[in-house]
Amino acid sequence: MRKNKLIIMSLTLIMIVSLTTITCMGENSEFKLLSAYWGDTGQIEVTGGDYVTLTIILRYEGRWGFNNLVAKLSLPEPFKTSDKSNTATIYYKSTVTPGSIIQLTYQVYVSPQALKGTYLSNLNLEYFVSNYGLITQTIQIPLEITGRPNIQLSLRNETLIEGKQRVSLIIKNVGDADAYYIQISRAYSSSITINNVGNTYVEHIKPGENATSTIEIYVPSGLKGKTVQINFDLRYIGPKNSIYTKTESVQVLVNPQDPQPNVDVRLSSGELYIGRVNKLNVTISNNGYSTIRNVKMSISTDATLKVFGSSTIYIGDVNPQQSVKIPMEIYVPLTTAATGTITISTTYYDTARGLSISDTRQTTVLLRGFIELTLTDVAIIPASPKPNSPFSITITITNVGTSTAYATYAIPILENLPIQPLGSRSVYIGNIDVNMPTIFTINLQLLNTTLTQMRLPVILRYMDNLRNISDKTFEIVINVSPTTATTTTTQSRSTLTSILTSPITIISTIAVIMIISGVLIMRRRKK
């Protein structure tokens, strides 16, 4: 009986061992991870919002064969399976033998909000080996989001013109990863000719940045107002050495108008002063992308203006984005006109278009009267005003400019001064002609003060011939009379003198003296 129990216990122990699950992890695992990458036929780079294939390559290094492998992939955020879950399962039905290479592919969705970086997922393997029972193994699979570069092309020029021209090609990375070794191998169009594109090569463009290259384009005649398409074949590499090749198409309009000149002409000032020699600069700028040669400028004016010196100037060559300043002197004789006209003509040869271009521009300038008011004379009456007394200031002004000052007012600035106006504060003067002395008077009241001297600002406000209002300020020095205290003492003494010398005072004094004398005589007689 005891022997039978031992036999039963032995059989039970053998069954338990045979049914035990073996868990393998670490370097002694039966399966070894050879590689894991995005893509089915080759490695690609992924970014947020992608539906992508995850390929996992394993090698079985166990000693026993089987054909019941179950591979469960657990995905972390921000990854999901194609059915929006976090777990994907593959039932591998092929026979697995020692040394077998197994390829597993999963369809994975990357959330658009995913950040670049490396995430870890778990691949859980289960299989049954008759000699060992159920075996499980867990392998960590790195999932890297690198971002993906995206190169787009455009032309800086909004339109093309008929003929030969140089055009700026903008190469921009609108992706979220760096692009390396960008090369445009070919450019072609069914209607125009593109040259020197094969030289376009950029080593590195970061996300959001761009590079610029120059290409030569020839547009034949007969295409004005039509849209042409240019195709570019380009190749570049991503951060994980993924190779991108694609064809970018750019559409551009052939300008229906005649080509506008590349030269911009500007005057340094939009107004000139009448009766003076005005110095100004004429700036000629080459705003194109090619050199203009044999530049010549001619300047002429209407009858109101006079140009000093040569009116024709040879400039020579002007490089792209370069400016040249030419100093000029223009005299405006005395005139009642408010504007004048300056005409500037330029001729040059445009090397990019192969054209000789002439350009004429007219500029209207304002003719402003030159007004210069000077203080000729000042008379203060009395010369040293007394406190609490009125006084007047008579001022003589001379206009030594070249134009009349219209509707002139004189305004004394009385703030913080012990002065107040007598009557109207401002004085209307009227027009002040050239070289004609003009006299006006300001009436004021000096208040009680201890100051001995003060400065009174007087503003002359006037209009020029263009009805612009201007101010000219003069300072009038006023000396205050220092006799205030002495006058008060003198008045007190005069009052006392008048009292003492009045008849009533004299009679009263005599009467008092007589009474006192009578009293003294009577006292002596009694004695």
Protein backbone atom coordinates (compact mmCIF):
# COMPACT_ATOMS: atom_id res chain seq x y z
CA MET A 1 0.00 0.00 0.00
CA ARG A 2 2.79 2.33 0.92
CA LYS A 3 4.57 1.50 -2.34
CA ASN A 4 1.50 2.43 -4.41
CA LYS A 5 1.31 5.85 -2.72
CA LEU A 6 4.91 6.55 -3.67
CA ILE A 7 4.20 5.64 -7.30
CA ILE A 8 1.14 7.93 -7.41
CA MET A 9 3.09 10.86 -5.92
CA SER A 10 5.90 10.41 -8.44
CA LEU A 11 3.50 10.44 -11.39
CA THR A 12 1.75 13.55 -10.03
CA LEU A 13 5.09 15.39 -9.69
CA ILE A 14 6.04 14.48 -13.28
CA MET A 15 2.73 15.85 -14.58
CA ILE A 16 3.18 19.11 -12.64
CA VAL A 17 6.67 19.59 -14.04
CA SER A 18 5.49 18.86 -17.58
CA LEU A 19 2.70 21.42 -17.30
CA THR A 20 4.82 24.16 -15.74
CA THR A 21 5.04 27.46 -17.75
CA ILE A 22 8.59 28.55 -18.48
CA THR A 23 9.15 32.30 -18.52
CA CYS A 24 12.21 33.50 -20.40
CA MET A 25 13.62 36.96 -20.09
CA GLY A 26 17.07 38.51 -20.59
CA GLU A 27 20.02 37.33 -22.61
CA ASN A 28 19.17 33.62 -22.15
CA SER A 29 15.79 34.06 -23.87
CA GLU A 30 14.81 31.72 -26.66
CA PHE A 31 14.01 34.61 -29.04
CA LYS A 32 16.51 37.37 -29.81
CA LEU A 33 15.51 40.78 -31.20
CA LEU A 34 17.43 41.47 -34.37
CA SER A 35 15.77 44.77 -35.38
CA ALA A 36 12.62 46.83 -35.07
CA TYR A 37 11.84 49.67 -37.46
CA TRP A 38 9.05 51.67 -39.03
CA GLY A 39 8.12 50.58 -42.56
CA ASP A 40 7.46 47.30 -44.36
CA THR A 41 10.11 47.16 -47.09
CA GLY A 42 12.62 49.55 -45.49
CA GLN A 43 13.10 51.94 -42.61
CA ILE A 44 11.12 55.16 -42.70
CA GLU A 45 10.75 58.15 -40.36
CA VAL A 46 7.47 58.89 -38.66
CA THR A 47 5.77 61.91 -37.16
CA GLY A 48 2.50 62.65 -35.40
CA GLY A 49 -0.63 61.67 -37.33
CA ASP A 50 0.97 58.80 -39.31
CA TYR A 51 -0.54 55.36 -39.98
CA VAL A 52 2.57 53.26 -40.28
CA THR A 53 3.80 49.65 -40.34
CA LEU A 54 5.99 48.47 -37.46
CA THR A 55 8.31 45.62 -38.51
CA ILE A 56 9.95 43.40 -35.85
CA ILE A 57 12.63 40.84 -36.81
CA LEU A 58 13.31 37.96 -34.35
CA ARG A 59 15.61 34.93 -34.41
CA TYR A 60 14.65 31.75 -32.56
CA GLU A 61 17.66 30.34 -30.70
CA GLY A 62 15.90 27.48 -28.86
CA ARG A 63 16.45 23.75 -29.45
CA TRP A 64 12.91 22.58 -30.13
CA GLY A 65 10.53 23.32 -32.99
CA PHE A 66 6.90 24.41 -32.69
CA ASN A 67 4.12 26.02 -34.76
CA ASN A 68 1.88 27.80 -32.30
CA LEU A 69 3.56 31.17 -31.62
CA VAL A 70 1.35 34.00 -30.29
CA ALA A 71 2.91 37.51 -30.34
CA LYS A 72 1.07 40.25 -28.38
CA LEU A 73 2.33 43.83 -28.74
CA SER A 74 1.40 46.25 -25.92
CA LEU A 75 1.64 49.88 -27.08
CA PRO A 76 2.25 52.91 -24.83
CA GLU A 77 0.76 56.33 -25.43
CA PRO A 78 0.77 58.03 -27.96
CA PHE A 79 0.43 54.87 -30.08
CA LYS A 80 -2.68 52.90 -30.99
CA THR A 81 -3.43 49.89 -33.17
CA SER A 82 -5.47 50.21 -36.35
CA ASP A 83 -8.64 49.52 -34.33
CA LYS A 84 -7.70 52.23 -31.74
CA SER A 85 -6.72 49.77 -28.98
CA ASN A 86 -3.43 49.42 -27.09
CA THR A 87 -2.79 45.73 -27.89
CA ALA A 88 -2.23 43.97 -31.22
CA THR A 89 -1.94 40.16 -31.52
CA ILE A 90 -0.39 38.04 -34.27
CA TYR A 91 -0.92 34.25 -34.46
CA TYR A 92 2.13 32.90 -36.24
CA LYS A 93 1.13 29.56 -37.85
CA SER A 94 4.38 28.68 -39.62
CA THR A 95 6.70 26.13 -38.06
CA VAL A 96 9.48 27.64 -35.99
CA THR A 97 12.73 25.66 -35.88
CA PRO A 98 16.11 26.48 -34.29
CA GLY A 99 17.70 29.40 -36.16
CA SER A 100 14.44 30.54 -37.80
CA ILE A 101 14.09 34.23 -38.66
CA ILE A 102 10.60 35.52 -37.89
CA GLN A 103 9.18 38.79 -39.20
CA LEU A 104 6.19 40.34 -37.44
CA THR A 105 4.36 43.40 -38.81
CA TYR A 106 1.84 45.56 -36.95
CA GLN A 107 -0.23 48.50 -38.16
CA VAL A 108 0.24 51.40 -35.75
CA TYR A 109 -1.38 54.83 -35.53
CA VAL A 110 0.69 57.73 -34.10
CA SER A 111 -1.30 60.45 -32.33
CA PRO A 112 -0.99 63.91 -33.93
CA GLN A 113 -0.01 65.30 -30.51
CA ALA A 114 2.92 62.88 -30.18
CA LEU A 115 6.23 64.45 -29.18
CA LYS A 116 9.52 63.46 -30.73
CA GLY A 117 11.46 60.92 -28.67
CA THR A 118 11.88 57.18 -27.94
CA TYR A 119 9.09 55.13 -26.32
CA LEU A 120 9.21 51.48 -25.08
CA SER A 121 6.60 48.85 -25.87
CA ASN A 122 6.40 45.18 -24.71
CA LEU A 123 6.24 42.24 -27.11
CA ASN A 124 4.84 39.20 -25.21
CA LEU A 125 5.60 35.83 -26.88
CA GLU A 126 3.78 32.60 -25.98
CA TYR A 127 4.37 29.15 -27.48
CA PHE A 128 4.09 25.48 -26.45
CA VAL A 129 7.01 23.07 -26.61
CA SER A 130 6.13 19.45 -25.92
CA ASN A 131 9.29 18.85 -23.91
CA TYR A 132 8.83 21.96 -21.69
CA GLY A 133 5.20 23.01 -21.82
CA LEU A 134 3.98 26.61 -22.26
CA ILE A 135 6.81 29.13 -22.60
CA THR A 136 6.42 32.94 -22.37
CA GLN A 137 8.95 35.62 -23.14
CA THR A 138 8.77 39.44 -23.00
CA ILE A 139 10.94 41.63 -25.27
CA GLN A 140 11.09 45.42 -25.07
CA ILE A 141 10.66 47.12 -28.47
CA PRO A 142 11.91 50.74 -28.83
CA LEU A 143 9.56 52.99 -30.81
CA GLU A 144 11.21 56.23 -31.97
CA ILE A 145 9.42 59.30 -33.29
CA THR A 146 11.99 61.36 -35.16
CA GLY A 147 9.72 63.66 -37.13
CA ARG A 148 9.91 63.87 -40.89
CA PRO A 149 11.35 66.58 -43.17
CA ASN A 150 9.21 67.94 -45.97
CA ILE A 151 10.82 70.11 -48.65
CA GLN A 152 8.63 72.46 -50.67
CA LEU A 153 9.70 74.76 -53.51
CA SER A 154 8.42 78.14 -54.63
CA LEU A 155 9.58 81.09 -56.72
CA ARG A 156 10.23 84.47 -55.11
CA ASN A 157 9.05 86.18 -58.30
CA GLU A 158 5.26 86.36 -58.50
CA THR A 159 5.39 86.56 -62.28
CA LEU A 160 7.79 85.91 -65.12
CA ILE A 161 8.41 88.02 -68.22
CA GLU A 162 9.13 87.08 -71.77
CA GLY A 163 12.83 86.68 -72.38
CA LYS A 164 15.82 85.63 -70.33
CA GLN A 165 15.76 86.21 -66.56
CA ARG A 166 17.22 85.04 -63.28
CA VAL A 167 14.72 83.85 -60.69
CA SER A 168 15.14 83.12 -56.99
CA LEU A 169 14.06 79.61 -56.00
CA ILE A 170 13.01 79.24 -52.35
CA ILE A 171 13.70 75.82 -50.80
CA LYS A 172 11.74 75.51 -47.53
CA ASN A 173 11.51 72.71 -44.97
CA VAL A 174 7.87 72.65 -43.82
CA GLY A 175 8.32 69.36 -41.89
CA ASP A 176 9.25 68.78 -38.25
CA ALA A 177 12.71 67.21 -38.70
CA ASP A 178 16.01 68.34 -40.21
CA ALA A 179 16.61 67.77 -43.91
CA TYR A 180 20.13 66.98 -45.15
CA TYR A 181 21.86 67.01 -48.53
CA ILE A 182 19.00 68.56 -50.50
CA GLN A 183 19.66 68.35 -54.21
CA ILE A 184 17.55 69.38 -57.20
CA SER A 185 18.66 67.10 -59.98
CA ARG A 186 16.39 68.31 -62.77
CA ALA A 187 13.89 71.04 -63.69
CA TYR A 188 11.72 70.84 -66.75
CA SER A 189 8.69 72.44 -68.36
CA SER A 190 6.74 71.94 -71.54
CA SER A 191 6.68 75.65 -72.42
CA ILE A 192 9.81 77.35 -71.01
CA THR A 193 13.53 76.59 -70.61
CA ILE A 194 15.27 76.23 -67.23
CA ASN A 195 19.07 76.25 -66.94
CA ASN A 196 21.75 75.56 -64.27
CA VAL A 197 19.39 73.71 -61.90
CA GLY A 198 21.80 70.81 -61.49
CA ASN A 199 24.04 73.05 -59.39
CA THR A 200 21.34 73.49 -56.73
CA TYR A 201 22.55 71.78 -53.55
CA VAL A 202 21.90 72.63 -49.89
CA GLU A 203 23.61 70.72 -47.09
CA HIS A 204 21.17 71.28 -44.23
CA ILE A 205 17.80 72.98 -43.61
CA LYS A 206 16.16 73.00 -40.18
CA PRO A 207 12.37 72.79 -39.73
CA GLY A 208 10.67 76.08 -40.65
CA GLU A 209 13.80 77.50 -42.31
CA ASN A 210 14.58 77.98 -45.99
CA ALA A 211 17.43 78.43 -48.41
CA THR A 212 17.53 80.36 -51.68
CA SER A 213 19.08 79.44 -55.00
CA THR A 214 19.12 81.28 -58.33
CA ILE A 215 18.07 79.64 -61.58
CA GLU A 216 17.99 80.94 -65.14
CA ILE A 217 14.72 80.85 -67.05
CA TYR A 218 13.97 81.71 -70.65
CA VAL A 219 10.34 82.46 -71.55
CA PRO A 220 9.66 82.53 -75.31
CA SER A 221 7.36 85.15 -76.81
CA GLY A 222 3.64 84.50 -77.06
CA LEU A 223 3.09 83.45 -73.43
CA LYS A 224 1.95 86.78 -71.94
CA GLY A 225 -0.96 86.27 -69.57
CA LYS A 226 -0.54 82.47 -69.49
CA THR A 227 0.37 80.23 -66.56
CA VAL A 228 3.34 77.90 -66.99
CA GLN A 229 4.28 74.91 -64.82
CA ILE A 230 7.83 74.06 -63.76
CA ASN A 231 8.62 70.58 -62.38
CA PHE A 232 11.58 69.93 -60.06
CA ASP A 233 13.02 66.52 -59.21
CA LEU A 234 14.61 66.64 -55.77
CA ARG A 235 16.22 64.31 -53.27
CA TYR A 236 17.05 64.73 -49.58
CA ILE A 237 17.81 62.69 -46.45
CA GLY A 238 16.11 62.65 -43.05
CA PRO A 239 17.59 62.41 -39.53
CA LYS A 240 17.71 58.57 -39.65
CA ASN A 241 19.19 58.50 -43.15
CA SER A 242 15.84 57.84 -44.79
CA ILE A 243 16.00 58.91 -48.42
CA TYR A 244 13.21 61.05 -49.87
CA THR A 245 12.70 61.58 -53.59
CA LYS A 246 9.81 63.47 -55.10
CA THR A 247 8.77 65.88 -57.83
CA GLU A 248 7.63 69.37 -56.86
CA SER A 249 5.54 71.41 -59.30
CA VAL A 250 5.42 75.22 -59.29
CA GLN A 251 2.98 77.26 -61.35
CA VAL A 252 3.74 80.87 -62.24
CA LEU A 253 2.08 83.53 -64.40
CA VAL A 254 3.82 85.17 -67.32
CA ASN A 255 3.25 88.90 -66.79
CA PRO A 256 0.75 90.25 -69.32
CA GLN A 257 2.30 93.73 -68.94
CA ASP A 258 5.60 94.99 -70.27
CA PRO A 259 8.46 94.43 -67.83
CA GLN A 260 8.84 97.07 -65.17
CA PRO A 261 12.32 98.54 -64.71
CA ASN A 262 14.49 97.21 -61.91
CA VAL A 263 15.73 100.72 -61.15
CA ASP A 264 14.14 102.79 -58.41
CA VAL A 265 14.78 106.55 -58.36
CA ARG A 266 14.14 108.64 -55.26
CA LEU A 267 14.78 112.22 -54.08
CA SER A 268 16.08 112.76 -50.57
CA SER A 269 13.54 115.55 -49.98
CA GLY A 270 10.04 116.27 -51.20
CA GLU A 271 10.24 120.04 -50.72
CA LEU A 272 12.54 122.91 -51.67
CA TYR A 273 12.93 126.40 -50.17
CA ILE A 274 12.15 129.43 -52.29
CA GLY A 275 15.01 131.88 -52.85
CA ARG A 276 17.72 129.43 -51.73
CA VAL A 277 20.10 126.87 -53.20
CA ASN A 278 18.80 123.50 -52.06
CA LYS A 279 21.13 120.51 -51.69
CA LEU A 280 19.57 117.08 -52.15
CA ASN A 281 20.48 113.55 -53.25
CA VAL A 282 19.09 111.47 -56.08
CA THR A 283 19.29 107.76 -55.12
CA ILE A 284 19.30 105.14 -57.88
CA SER A 285 18.72 101.59 -56.56
CA ASN A 286 19.03 98.29 -58.42
CA ASN A 287 16.25 96.16 -56.88
CA GLY A 288 16.75 93.30 -59.31
CA TYR A 289 18.89 90.18 -59.07
CA SER A 290 21.31 90.96 -61.86
CA THR A 291 23.77 93.74 -62.67
CA ILE A 292 22.60 96.68 -64.71
CA ARG A 293 25.27 98.27 -66.90
CA ASN A 294 25.96 101.65 -68.52
CA VAL A 295 23.56 103.48 -66.21
CA LYS A 296 23.08 107.13 -67.19
CA MET A 297 20.88 109.70 -65.48
CA SER A 298 19.51 113.00 -66.84
CA ILE A 299 17.64 115.56 -64.72
CA SER A 300 15.47 118.44 -65.92
CA THR A 301 13.00 120.82 -64.26
CA ASP A 302 10.16 123.14 -65.13
CA ALA A 303 10.69 126.89 -65.53
CA THR A 304 10.31 127.46 -61.79
CA LEU A 305 13.51 125.57 -60.83
CA LYS A 306 17.14 125.81 -61.89
CA VAL A 307 19.70 122.96 -61.75
CA PHE A 308 23.28 123.89 -60.90
CA GLY A 309 26.02 121.89 -62.58
CA SER A 310 25.68 119.17 -65.23
CA SER A 311 22.20 117.82 -65.82
CA THR A 312 23.48 114.51 -67.27
CA ILE A 313 25.55 112.11 -65.16
CA TYR A 314 27.12 108.78 -66.20
CA ILE A 315 27.02 106.26 -63.34
CA GLY A 316 28.29 103.01 -64.87
CA ASP A 317 27.42 99.58 -63.46
CA VAL A 318 25.15 98.99 -60.46
CA ASN A 319 25.21 95.56 -58.81
CA PRO A 320 22.08 93.77 -57.51
CA GLN A 321 20.60 95.32 -54.34
CA GLN A 322 23.09 98.20 -54.60
CA SER A 323 22.26 101.93 -54.41
CA VAL A 324 24.11 104.97 -55.75
CA LYS A 325 23.62 108.53 -54.43
CA ILE A 326 24.15 111.53 -56.72
CA PRO A 327 24.33 114.95 -54.97
CA MET A 328 22.45 117.77 -56.74
CA GLU A 329 21.98 121.52 -56.22
CA ILE A 330 18.70 123.13 -57.26
CA TYR A 331 17.93 126.82 -56.97
CA VAL A 332 14.37 128.10 -56.59
CA PRO A 333 14.01 131.77 -57.66
CA LEU A 334 11.45 134.00 -55.97
CA THR A 335 8.04 132.76 -57.05
CA THR A 336 4.44 132.54 -55.92
CA ALA A 337 4.12 128.94 -57.13
CA ALA A 338 3.56 126.28 -54.48
CA THR A 339 4.96 123.31 -56.42
CA GLY A 340 7.63 122.48 -58.98
CA THR A 341 8.35 119.48 -61.19
CA ILE A 342 11.60 117.50 -61.46
CA THR A 343 11.98 114.96 -64.29
CA ILE A 344 14.60 112.18 -63.95
CA SER A 345 15.41 109.93 -66.91
CA THR A 346 17.58 106.80 -66.63
CA THR A 347 18.91 104.48 -69.31
CA TYR A 348 20.69 101.15 -68.65
CA TYR A 349 21.30 97.67 -69.99
CA ASP A 350 19.61 94.81 -68.06
CA THR A 351 21.99 91.85 -68.30
CA ALA A 352 19.41 89.31 -67.10
CA ARG A 353 16.80 90.27 -69.68
CA GLY A 354 19.22 91.22 -72.38
CA LEU A 355 17.36 94.49 -72.87
CA SER A 356 18.27 98.17 -73.05
CA ILE A 357 15.73 99.99 -70.88
CA SER A 358 14.82 103.67 -70.63
CA ASP A 359 12.79 104.98 -67.74
CA THR A 360 11.45 108.50 -67.15
CA ARG A 361 9.86 109.62 -63.92
CA GLN A 362 8.38 112.94 -62.84
CA THR A 363 8.39 114.07 -59.22
CA THR A 364 6.41 117.01 -57.87
CA VAL A 365 8.07 118.89 -55.02
CA LEU A 366 6.63 121.51 -52.68
CA LEU A 367 8.11 125.00 -52.83
CA ARG A 368 8.16 126.34 -49.30
CA GLY A 369 8.80 129.98 -48.52
CA PHE A 370 11.89 130.64 -46.42
CA ILE A 371 11.02 132.86 -43.46
CA GLU A 372 13.60 134.17 -40.98
CA LEU A 373 12.32 136.62 -38.38
CA THR A 374 14.94 138.62 -36.45
CA LEU A 375 14.58 140.95 -33.45
CA THR A 376 15.64 144.40 -34.58
CA ASP A 377 14.76 146.67 -31.65
CA VAL A 378 12.98 146.69 -28.26
CA ALA A 379 11.70 149.71 -26.33
CA ILE A 380 10.21 149.35 -22.82
CA ILE A 381 8.24 152.33 -21.47
CA PRO A 382 9.05 153.14 -18.73
CA ALA A 383 12.52 151.68 -19.07
CA SER A 384 12.32 150.18 -15.54
CA PRO A 385 8.66 149.53 -14.67
CA LYS A 386 7.55 149.89 -11.06
CA PRO A 387 5.58 147.18 -9.24
CA ASN A 388 1.81 147.60 -9.42
CA SER A 389 2.11 149.86 -12.46
CA PRO A 390 1.46 149.48 -16.20
CA PHE A 391 4.15 149.45 -18.86
CA SER A 392 4.46 148.75 -22.59
CA ILE A 393 6.93 146.95 -24.83
CA THR A 394 7.40 148.11 -28.40
CA ILE A 395 9.13 145.50 -30.58
CA THR A 396 10.55 145.87 -34.08
CA ILE A 397 10.78 142.67 -36.20
CA THR A 398 12.47 142.24 -39.60
CA ASN A 399 11.88 139.30 -41.96
CA VAL A 400 15.29 138.59 -43.53
CA GLY A 401 14.02 135.48 -45.35
CA THR A 402 12.74 135.19 -48.88
CA SER A 403 9.00 134.83 -48.33
CA THR A 404 6.25 136.71 -46.50
CA ALA A 405 5.12 135.55 -43.07
CA TYR A 406 1.32 135.58 -43.14
CA ALA A 407 -1.23 136.29 -40.37
CA THR A 408 1.37 136.83 -37.67
CA TYR A 409 0.44 137.02 -33.98
CA ALA A 410 2.59 138.03 -30.99
CA ILE A 411 1.81 136.08 -27.81
CA PRO A 412 3.63 136.90 -24.54
CA ILE A 413 4.13 133.89 -22.25
CA LEU A 414 3.15 135.16 -18.79
CA GLU A 415 3.14 131.89 -16.84
CA ASN A 416 5.24 132.01 -13.64
CA LEU A 417 5.84 135.76 -14.09
CA PRO A 418 4.31 138.63 -11.99
CA ILE A 419 2.82 140.18 -15.12
CA GLN A 420 -0.71 140.32 -16.46
CA PRO A 421 -1.98 141.62 -19.80
CA LEU A 422 -3.74 144.94 -20.19
CA GLY A 423 -6.54 144.10 -22.58
CA SER A 424 -6.07 141.30 -25.11
CA ARG A 425 -3.19 138.95 -24.38
CA SER A 426 -2.15 138.42 -28.03
CA VAL A 427 -1.40 141.14 -30.56
CA TYR A 428 -2.31 140.68 -34.22
CA ILE A 429 0.54 141.93 -36.45
CA GLY A 430 -0.61 140.78 -39.89
CA ASN A 431 1.75 139.99 -42.76
CA ILE A 432 5.46 140.58 -42.35
CA ASP A 433 7.00 141.23 -45.76
CA VAL A 434 10.61 140.58 -46.66
CA ASN A 435 13.11 143.24 -45.46
CA MET A 436 10.33 145.47 -44.12
CA PRO A 437 10.66 146.37 -40.38
CA THR A 438 7.40 145.71 -38.56
CA ILE A 439 6.55 147.38 -35.23
CA PHE A 440 4.00 146.25 -32.66
CA THR A 441 3.33 147.07 -28.99
CA ILE A 442 2.34 144.86 -26.07
CA ASN A 443 0.63 146.52 -23.06
CA LEU A 444 1.17 144.83 -19.70
CA GLN A 445 0.72 145.37 -15.94
CA LEU A 446 3.58 144.63 -13.54
CA LEU A 447 2.30 143.11 -10.29
CA ASN A 448 3.84 143.45 -6.85
CA THR A 449 7.22 141.66 -6.90
CA THR A 450 10.66 141.69 -5.33
CA LEU A 451 12.34 140.66 -8.59
CA THR A 452 14.77 143.13 -10.07
CA GLN A 453 14.95 141.52 -13.51
CA MET A 454 12.90 139.02 -15.50
CA ARG A 455 12.83 137.48 -18.98
CA LEU A 456 9.58 137.58 -20.89
CA PRO A 457 9.23 135.06 -23.78
CA VAL A 458 7.27 136.37 -26.74
CA ILE A 459 6.10 133.89 -29.41
CA LEU A 460 5.57 135.02 -32.99
CA ARG A 461 3.15 132.60 -34.67
CA TYR A 462 2.78 132.83 -38.44
CA MET A 463 1.88 130.89 -41.61
CA ASP A 464 4.09 130.31 -44.63
CA ASN A 465 2.97 130.20 -48.26
CA LEU A 466 1.83 126.56 -47.84
CA ARG A 467 -0.30 127.59 -44.86
CA ASN A 468 1.84 125.65 -42.40
CA ILE A 469 1.99 127.30 -38.97
CA SER A 470 5.39 127.97 -37.39
CA ASP A 471 6.62 129.63 -34.19
CA LYS A 472 9.55 131.91 -33.46
CA THR A 473 10.34 132.80 -29.82
CA PHE A 474 12.21 135.87 -28.57
CA GLU A 475 13.13 136.75 -24.96
CA ILE A 476 12.65 140.33 -23.72
CA VAL A 477 14.69 141.35 -20.65
CA ILE A 478 12.74 143.59 -18.23
CA ASN A 479 14.52 145.53 -15.45
CA VAL A 480 12.24 146.31 -12.48
CA SER A 481 12.58 149.68 -10.64
CA PRO A 482 14.11 149.14 -7.14
CA THR A 483 12.42 152.27 -5.49
CA THR A 484 9.41 150.56 -3.95
CA ALA A 485 10.41 150.76 -0.19
CA THR A 486 11.87 154.33 -0.51
CA THR A 487 8.64 155.59 -1.98
CA THR A 488 6.64 154.30 0.98
CA THR A 489 8.96 156.06 3.54
CA THR A 490 8.84 159.36 1.64
CA GLN A 491 5.06 159.25 1.56
CA SER A 492 4.96 158.71 5.35
CA ARG A 493 7.27 161.67 5.97
CA SER A 494 5.28 163.95 3.69
CA THR A 495 2.11 163.07 5.56
CA LEU A 496 3.72 163.89 8.92
CA THR A 497 5.02 167.24 7.60
CA SER A 498 1.63 168.24 6.30
CA ILE A 499 0.05 167.49 9.66
CA LEU A 500 2.62 169.53 11.62
CA THR A 501 2.37 172.59 9.37
CA SER A 502 -1.41 172.84 9.24
CA PRO A 503 -3.01 176.08 10.85
CA ILE A 504 -5.12 174.13 13.32
CA THR A 505 -2.07 172.42 14.67
CA ILE A 506 -0.20 175.72 15.10
CA ILE A 507 -3.13 177.50 16.95
CA SER A 508 -3.66 174.51 19.19
CA THR A 509 0.00 174.42 20.07
CA ILE A 510 0.06 178.19 20.92
CA ALA A 511 -3.05 177.82 23.12
CA VAL A 512 -1.53 174.97 25.06
CA ILE A 513 1.67 176.94 25.60
CA MET A 514 -0.32 180.01 26.85
CA ILE A 515 -2.34 177.90 29.30
CA ILE A 516 0.75 176.30 30.69
CA SER A 517 2.46 179.72 31.04
CA GLY A 518 -0.56 181.22 32.89
CA VAL A 519 -0.62 178.33 35.34
CA LEU A 520 3.05 178.75 36.14
CA ILE A 521 2.66 182.60 36.72
CA MET A 522 -0.26 182.13 39.11
CA ARG A 523 1.70 179.59 41.22
CA ARG A 524 4.60 182.04 41.58
CA ARG A 525 2.31 184.91 42.75
CA LYS A 526 0.75 182.78 45.48
CA LYS A 527 4.16 182.04 46.82
